[in-house]
Amino acid sequence: MPEHRARKHHQDRVAETLREEIGAMIEGELSDPRIAFCYVSEVALNPGAKSARVYVAVDTAVPDIAKAEEDTIAGLEAAKGYIRYELKERMGVRHVPELTFLADRSGRFQARIEELMGRTRKRRKAPVE
């Protein structure tokens, strides 16, 4: 059975609100030293809205990006209860979805693909001797 457009629109609005509110909390309220400079890139809400995957992208200027991602996710997982409580208060809803924090590596992968594509373009333009 096809999903109704109104339900999909509502889920998109809820996901966007979650993204904005969690991002604001990360920027200003969470003081855990494990949380690096990051932003919420996407919130994927499950169809029943019982759980949500929160994708967090860490700033690439950090020397050890893998360690920074691991620490940031651990810090956010530790603050999950506070984040859910604040979301409930701010959004004025009865139920806040269960949150799962994941590192968003798509930006890094995209940069790597761009680098490789640039190399192949340079090889093709280089004169053959």
N, C-alpha and C. Protein backbone atom coordinates (compact mmCIF):
# COMPACT_ATOMS: atom_id res chain seq x y z
N MET A 1 0.84 -1.17 0.00
CA MET A 1 0.00 0.00 0.00
C MET A 1 0.90 1.24 0.00
N PRO A 2 0.65 2.21 -0.88
CA PRO A 2 1.51 3.38 -0.96
C PRO A 2 1.36 4.27 0.28
N GLU A 3 2.47 4.87 0.64
CA GLU A 3 2.45 5.76 1.80
C GLU A 3 1.82 7.09 1.40
N HIS A 4 1.06 7.66 2.29
CA HIS A 4 0.38 8.92 2.01
C HIS A 4 1.37 10.08 2.00
N ARG A 5 1.12 11.04 1.11
CA ARG A 5 2.02 12.18 1.00
C ARG A 5 2.03 13.01 2.27
N ALA A 6 0.91 13.12 2.94
CA ALA A 6 0.83 13.91 4.17
C ALA A 6 1.69 13.30 5.26
N ARG A 7 1.68 12.00 5.37
CA ARG A 7 2.50 11.32 6.37
C ARG A 7 3.98 11.52 6.07
N LYS A 8 4.35 11.40 4.79
CA LYS A 8 5.74 11.59 4.39
C LYS A 8 6.18 13.03 4.66
N HIS A 9 5.31 13.97 4.36
CA HIS A 9 5.61 15.39 4.60
C HIS A 9 5.82 15.63 6.10
N HIS A 10 4.97 15.04 6.92
CA HIS A 10 5.09 15.18 8.36
C HIS A 10 6.41 14.59 8.86
N GLN A 11 6.78 13.42 8.37
CA GLN A 11 8.04 12.80 8.78
C GLN A 11 9.23 13.64 8.34
N ASP A 12 9.16 14.23 7.16
CA ASP A 12 10.24 15.09 6.70
C ASP A 12 10.37 16.32 7.60
N ARG A 13 9.23 16.90 7.99
CA ARG A 13 9.27 18.06 8.88
C ARG A 13 9.84 17.70 10.24
N VAL A 14 9.45 16.54 10.77
CA VAL A 14 9.96 16.10 12.07
C VAL A 14 11.46 15.84 11.98
N ALA A 15 11.91 15.20 10.92
CA ALA A 15 13.33 14.92 10.75
C ALA A 15 14.13 16.21 10.64
N GLU A 16 13.62 17.18 9.92
CA GLU A 16 14.30 18.47 9.78
C GLU A 16 14.36 19.20 11.12
N THR A 17 13.28 19.16 11.88
CA THR A 17 13.28 19.78 13.20
C THR A 17 14.28 19.10 14.12
N LEU A 18 14.32 17.78 14.09
CA LEU A 18 15.30 17.04 14.89
C LEU A 18 16.72 17.44 14.50
N ARG A 19 16.98 17.56 13.21
CA ARG A 19 18.30 17.93 12.73
C ARG A 19 18.71 19.31 13.25
N GLU A 20 17.79 20.26 13.15
CA GLU A 20 18.09 21.62 13.61
C GLU A 20 18.30 21.68 15.12
N GLU A 21 17.43 21.03 15.88
CA GLU A 21 17.52 21.10 17.34
C GLU A 21 18.75 20.37 17.87
N ILE A 22 19.05 19.19 17.33
CA ILE A 22 20.23 18.46 17.78
C ILE A 22 21.49 19.24 17.40
N GLY A 23 21.49 19.84 16.22
CA GLY A 23 22.62 20.66 15.80
C GLY A 23 22.84 21.84 16.72
N ALA A 24 21.76 22.49 17.14
CA ALA A 24 21.87 23.61 18.08
C ALA A 24 22.42 23.15 19.42
N MET A 25 22.01 21.98 19.87
CA MET A 25 22.52 21.44 21.14
C MET A 25 24.01 21.13 21.04
N ILE A 26 24.42 20.54 19.93
CA ILE A 26 25.83 20.20 19.75
C ILE A 26 26.68 21.48 19.75
N GLU A 27 26.19 22.52 19.08
CA GLU A 27 26.95 23.76 18.98
C GLU A 27 27.08 24.49 20.31
N GLY A 28 26.01 24.51 21.12
CA GLY A 28 26.06 25.37 22.27
C GLY A 28 25.92 24.75 23.64
N GLU A 29 25.22 23.64 23.77
CA GLU A 29 24.87 23.15 25.09
C GLU A 29 25.69 21.97 25.57
N LEU A 30 26.13 21.12 24.68
CA LEU A 30 26.89 19.94 25.10
C LEU A 30 28.35 20.33 25.32
N SER A 31 28.84 20.09 26.52
CA SER A 31 30.20 20.50 26.85
C SER A 31 31.14 19.32 27.03
N ASP A 32 30.78 18.18 26.50
CA ASP A 32 31.64 16.99 26.59
C ASP A 32 32.89 17.23 25.75
N PRO A 33 34.08 17.09 26.34
CA PRO A 33 35.31 17.34 25.57
C PRO A 33 35.55 16.32 24.44
N ARG A 34 34.86 15.20 24.47
CA ARG A 34 35.03 14.20 23.41
C ARG A 34 34.37 14.64 22.11
N ILE A 35 33.37 15.51 22.21
CA ILE A 35 32.64 15.94 21.03
C ILE A 35 33.45 16.99 20.28
N ALA A 36 33.92 16.63 19.09
CA ALA A 36 34.72 17.53 18.26
C ALA A 36 33.80 18.50 17.53
N PHE A 37 34.39 19.43 16.78
CA PHE A 37 33.61 20.36 15.98
C PHE A 37 32.91 19.56 14.89
N CYS A 38 31.58 19.53 14.93
CA CYS A 38 30.82 18.71 13.99
C CYS A 38 29.46 19.34 13.75
N TYR A 39 28.74 18.77 12.81
CA TYR A 39 27.37 19.20 12.52
C TYR A 39 26.54 17.99 12.13
N VAL A 40 25.24 18.13 12.29
CA VAL A 40 24.31 17.06 11.93
C VAL A 40 24.00 17.21 10.45
N SER A 41 24.40 16.23 9.66
CA SER A 41 24.19 16.32 8.22
C SER A 41 22.82 15.80 7.79
N GLU A 42 22.32 14.79 8.51
CA GLU A 42 21.03 14.21 8.11
C GLU A 42 20.42 13.46 9.28
N VAL A 43 19.10 13.44 9.31
CA VAL A 43 18.36 12.62 10.26
C VAL A 43 17.42 11.74 9.44
N ALA A 44 17.57 10.44 9.56
CA ALA A 44 16.73 9.48 8.84
C ALA A 44 15.77 8.86 9.84
N LEU A 45 14.50 9.17 9.68
CA LEU A 45 13.45 8.70 10.57
C LEU A 45 12.87 7.40 10.01
N ASN A 46 12.72 6.40 10.86
CA ASN A 46 12.09 5.15 10.42
C ASN A 46 10.61 5.40 10.16
N PRO A 47 9.97 4.57 9.32
CA PRO A 47 8.57 4.81 8.95
C PRO A 47 7.62 4.98 10.13
N GLY A 48 7.81 4.25 11.19
CA GLY A 48 6.92 4.38 12.35
C GLY A 48 7.29 5.52 13.27
N ALA A 49 8.40 6.19 12.99
CA ALA A 49 8.92 7.31 13.78
C ALA A 49 9.26 6.90 15.20
N LYS A 50 9.57 5.62 15.39
CA LYS A 50 9.97 5.14 16.72
C LYS A 50 11.48 5.30 16.93
N SER A 51 12.24 5.34 15.83
CA SER A 51 13.67 5.51 15.96
C SER A 51 14.19 6.37 14.81
N ALA A 52 15.36 6.96 15.04
CA ALA A 52 15.97 7.84 14.04
C ALA A 52 17.47 7.63 14.04
N ARG A 53 18.04 7.66 12.83
CA ARG A 53 19.49 7.61 12.69
C ARG A 53 19.97 9.04 12.46
N VAL A 54 20.88 9.50 13.31
CA VAL A 54 21.41 10.86 13.23
C VAL A 54 22.83 10.77 12.69
N TYR A 55 23.04 11.31 11.49
CA TYR A 55 24.36 11.28 10.86
C TYR A 55 25.10 12.56 11.20
N VAL A 56 26.29 12.40 11.80
CA VAL A 56 27.08 13.54 12.25
C VAL A 56 28.38 13.57 11.46
N ALA A 57 28.67 14.72 10.85
CA ALA A 57 29.91 14.90 10.08
C ALA A 57 30.89 15.71 10.92
N VAL A 58 32.09 15.15 11.11
CA VAL A 58 33.13 15.81 11.89
C VAL A 58 33.99 16.65 10.95
N ASP A 59 34.45 17.80 11.45
CA ASP A 59 35.31 18.69 10.67
C ASP A 59 36.57 17.95 10.24
N THR A 60 36.96 18.08 8.98
CA THR A 60 38.09 17.34 8.44
C THR A 60 39.43 17.97 8.79
N ALA A 61 39.46 19.13 9.46
CA ALA A 61 40.71 19.78 9.82
C ALA A 61 41.39 19.10 11.01
N VAL A 62 40.71 18.14 11.64
CA VAL A 62 41.26 17.44 12.79
C VAL A 62 42.37 16.51 12.31
N PRO A 63 43.51 16.43 13.06
CA PRO A 63 44.62 15.57 12.60
C PRO A 63 44.24 14.09 12.45
N ASP A 64 43.59 13.51 13.45
CA ASP A 64 43.20 12.09 13.39
C ASP A 64 41.68 12.03 13.30
N ILE A 65 41.17 12.02 12.09
CA ILE A 65 39.73 12.10 11.86
C ILE A 65 39.00 10.86 12.36
N ALA A 66 39.59 9.69 12.22
CA ALA A 66 38.92 8.46 12.67
C ALA A 66 38.73 8.46 14.18
N LYS A 67 39.75 8.88 14.92
CA LYS A 67 39.66 8.96 16.38
C LYS A 67 38.65 10.02 16.80
N ALA A 68 38.65 11.16 16.09
CA ALA A 68 37.71 12.24 16.40
C ALA A 68 36.27 11.78 16.18
N GLU A 69 36.03 11.04 15.09
CA GLU A 69 34.68 10.52 14.83
C GLU A 69 34.25 9.55 15.93
N GLU A 70 35.15 8.66 16.29
CA GLU A 70 34.84 7.67 17.33
C GLU A 70 34.53 8.35 18.66
N ASP A 71 35.35 9.33 19.04
CA ASP A 71 35.13 10.04 20.31
C ASP A 71 33.84 10.86 20.27
N THR A 72 33.58 11.50 19.14
CA THR A 72 32.37 12.32 19.02
C THR A 72 31.12 11.46 19.15
N ILE A 73 31.10 10.32 18.47
CA ILE A 73 29.95 9.43 18.54
C ILE A 73 29.78 8.91 19.97
N ALA A 74 30.89 8.58 20.64
CA ALA A 74 30.81 8.11 22.03
C ALA A 74 30.26 9.20 22.94
N GLY A 75 30.69 10.44 22.74
CA GLY A 75 30.18 11.55 23.54
C GLY A 75 28.70 11.80 23.31
N LEU A 76 28.27 11.71 22.06
CA LEU A 76 26.85 11.90 21.75
C LEU A 76 26.00 10.76 22.30
N GLU A 77 26.51 9.55 22.22
CA GLU A 77 25.78 8.41 22.79
C GLU A 77 25.63 8.57 24.30
N ALA A 78 26.66 9.11 24.96
CA ALA A 78 26.60 9.32 26.40
C ALA A 78 25.58 10.40 26.75
N ALA A 79 25.41 11.38 25.87
CA ALA A 79 24.47 12.48 26.12
C ALA A 79 23.09 12.22 25.53
N LYS A 80 22.83 11.01 25.06
CA LYS A 80 21.57 10.69 24.38
C LYS A 80 20.34 10.97 25.24
N GLY A 81 20.39 10.62 26.51
CA GLY A 81 19.26 10.85 27.40
C GLY A 81 18.94 12.33 27.55
N TYR A 82 19.97 13.14 27.74
CA TYR A 82 19.78 14.59 27.84
C TYR A 82 19.22 15.15 26.54
N ILE A 83 19.75 14.70 25.41
CA ILE A 83 19.29 15.19 24.11
C ILE A 83 17.82 14.85 23.90
N ARG A 84 17.42 13.62 24.22
CA ARG A 84 16.02 13.23 24.05
C ARG A 84 15.10 14.04 24.97
N TYR A 85 15.54 14.27 26.22
CA TYR A 85 14.74 15.06 27.17
C TYR A 85 14.57 16.48 26.64
N GLU A 86 15.64 17.08 26.18
CA GLU A 86 15.57 18.45 25.65
C GLU A 86 14.70 18.52 24.40
N LEU A 87 14.81 17.51 23.54
CA LEU A 87 13.97 17.49 22.33
C LEU A 87 12.49 17.44 22.71
N LYS A 88 12.17 16.64 23.70
CA LYS A 88 10.77 16.52 24.14
C LYS A 88 10.27 17.87 24.66
N GLU A 89 11.09 18.55 25.44
CA GLU A 89 10.70 19.85 25.98
C GLU A 89 10.57 20.90 24.88
N ARG A 90 11.51 20.95 23.97
CA ARG A 90 11.53 21.98 22.92
C ARG A 90 10.44 21.77 21.87
N MET A 91 10.25 20.51 21.48
CA MET A 91 9.29 20.23 20.41
C MET A 91 7.87 20.11 20.93
N GLY A 92 7.71 19.86 22.22
CA GLY A 92 6.37 19.74 22.78
C GLY A 92 5.63 18.51 22.29
N VAL A 93 6.33 17.40 22.16
CA VAL A 93 5.70 16.17 21.68
C VAL A 93 5.67 15.15 22.80
N ARG A 94 4.83 14.14 22.65
CA ARG A 94 4.76 13.08 23.65
C ARG A 94 5.87 12.07 23.49
N HIS A 95 6.22 11.80 22.25
CA HIS A 95 7.21 10.75 21.97
C HIS A 95 8.35 11.31 21.15
N VAL A 96 9.56 11.09 21.62
CA VAL A 96 10.75 11.45 20.86
C VAL A 96 11.37 10.12 20.40
N PRO A 97 11.74 10.01 19.14
CA PRO A 97 12.28 8.73 18.65
C PRO A 97 13.58 8.35 19.35
N GLU A 98 13.84 7.06 19.40
CA GLU A 98 15.11 6.55 19.92
C GLU A 98 16.19 6.98 18.93
N LEU A 99 17.26 7.58 19.43
CA LEU A 99 18.30 8.13 18.57
C LEU A 99 19.49 7.19 18.48
N THR A 100 20.02 7.07 17.27
CA THR A 100 21.25 6.33 17.03
C THR A 100 22.19 7.28 16.28
N PHE A 101 23.36 7.52 16.84
CA PHE A 101 24.31 8.44 16.21
C PHE A 101 25.31 7.65 15.37
N LEU A 102 25.52 8.14 14.14
CA LEU A 102 26.44 7.50 13.21
C LEU A 102 27.33 8.57 12.58
N ALA A 103 28.57 8.21 12.28
CA ALA A 103 29.48 9.14 11.61
C ALA A 103 29.13 9.21 10.13
N ASP A 104 29.06 10.42 9.61
CA ASP A 104 28.77 10.63 8.20
C ASP A 104 30.09 10.84 7.47
N ARG A 105 30.48 9.86 6.71
CA ARG A 105 31.75 9.91 5.99
C ARG A 105 31.57 10.25 4.52
N SER A 106 30.38 10.60 4.11
CA SER A 106 30.11 10.83 2.70
C SER A 106 30.91 12.00 2.15
N GLY A 107 31.12 13.03 2.94
CA GLY A 107 31.90 14.18 2.48
C GLY A 107 33.34 13.80 2.19
N ARG A 108 33.93 12.98 3.06
CA ARG A 108 35.30 12.53 2.86
C ARG A 108 35.40 11.63 1.63
N PHE A 109 34.41 10.73 1.46
CA PHE A 109 34.42 9.86 0.29
C PHE A 109 34.28 10.66 -0.98
N GLN A 110 33.41 11.67 -0.94
CA GLN A 110 33.21 12.51 -2.11
C GLN A 110 34.49 13.27 -2.46
N ALA A 111 35.20 13.78 -1.45
CA ALA A 111 36.46 14.48 -1.70
C ALA A 111 37.49 13.54 -2.31
N ARG A 112 37.53 12.32 -1.83
CA ARG A 112 38.48 11.34 -2.37
C ARG A 112 38.15 11.00 -3.82
N ILE A 113 36.89 10.85 -4.13
CA ILE A 113 36.47 10.56 -5.51
C ILE A 113 36.84 11.72 -6.42
N GLU A 114 36.60 12.95 -5.94
CA GLU A 114 36.95 14.14 -6.73
C GLU A 114 38.46 14.17 -7.00
N GLU A 115 39.25 13.82 -5.98
CA GLU A 115 40.71 13.80 -6.15
C GLU A 115 41.12 12.78 -7.20
N LEU A 116 40.55 11.59 -7.14
CA LEU A 116 40.89 10.56 -8.12
C LEU A 116 40.43 10.94 -9.52
N MET A 117 39.26 11.53 -9.63
CA MET A 117 38.77 11.97 -10.94
C MET A 117 39.68 13.06 -11.50
N GLY A 118 40.15 13.95 -10.64
CA GLY A 118 41.07 15.00 -11.09
C GLY A 118 42.37 14.43 -11.61
N ARG A 119 42.87 13.40 -10.95
CA ARG A 119 44.10 12.76 -11.42
C ARG A 119 43.93 12.16 -12.81
N THR A 120 42.81 11.48 -13.01
CA THR A 120 42.60 10.85 -14.33
C THR A 120 42.41 11.91 -15.41
N ARG A 121 41.78 13.03 -15.08
CA ARG A 121 41.62 14.11 -16.06
C ARG A 121 42.99 14.67 -16.45
N LYS A 122 43.86 14.84 -15.46
CA LYS A 122 45.20 15.37 -15.74
C LYS A 122 45.98 14.41 -16.62
N ARG A 123 45.84 13.11 -16.37
CA ARG A 123 46.55 12.12 -17.20
C ARG A 123 46.07 12.15 -18.63
N ARG A 124 44.79 12.33 -18.82
CA ARG A 124 44.24 12.35 -20.18
C ARG A 124 44.68 13.60 -20.93
N LYS A 125 44.80 14.73 -20.22
CA LYS A 125 45.19 15.98 -20.87
C LYS A 125 46.69 16.05 -21.11
N ALA A 126 47.49 15.31 -20.36
CA ALA A 126 48.93 15.34 -20.52
C ALA A 126 49.31 14.80 -21.90
N PRO A 127 50.28 15.46 -22.54
CA PRO A 127 50.69 14.97 -23.88
C PRO A 127 51.42 13.65 -23.77
N VAL A 128 51.13 12.77 -24.70
CA VAL A 128 51.76 11.44 -24.73
C VAL A 128 53.10 11.57 -25.44
N GLU A 129 54.16 11.08 -24.80
CA GLU A 129 55.51 11.20 -25.40
C GLU A 129 55.95 9.91 -26.00
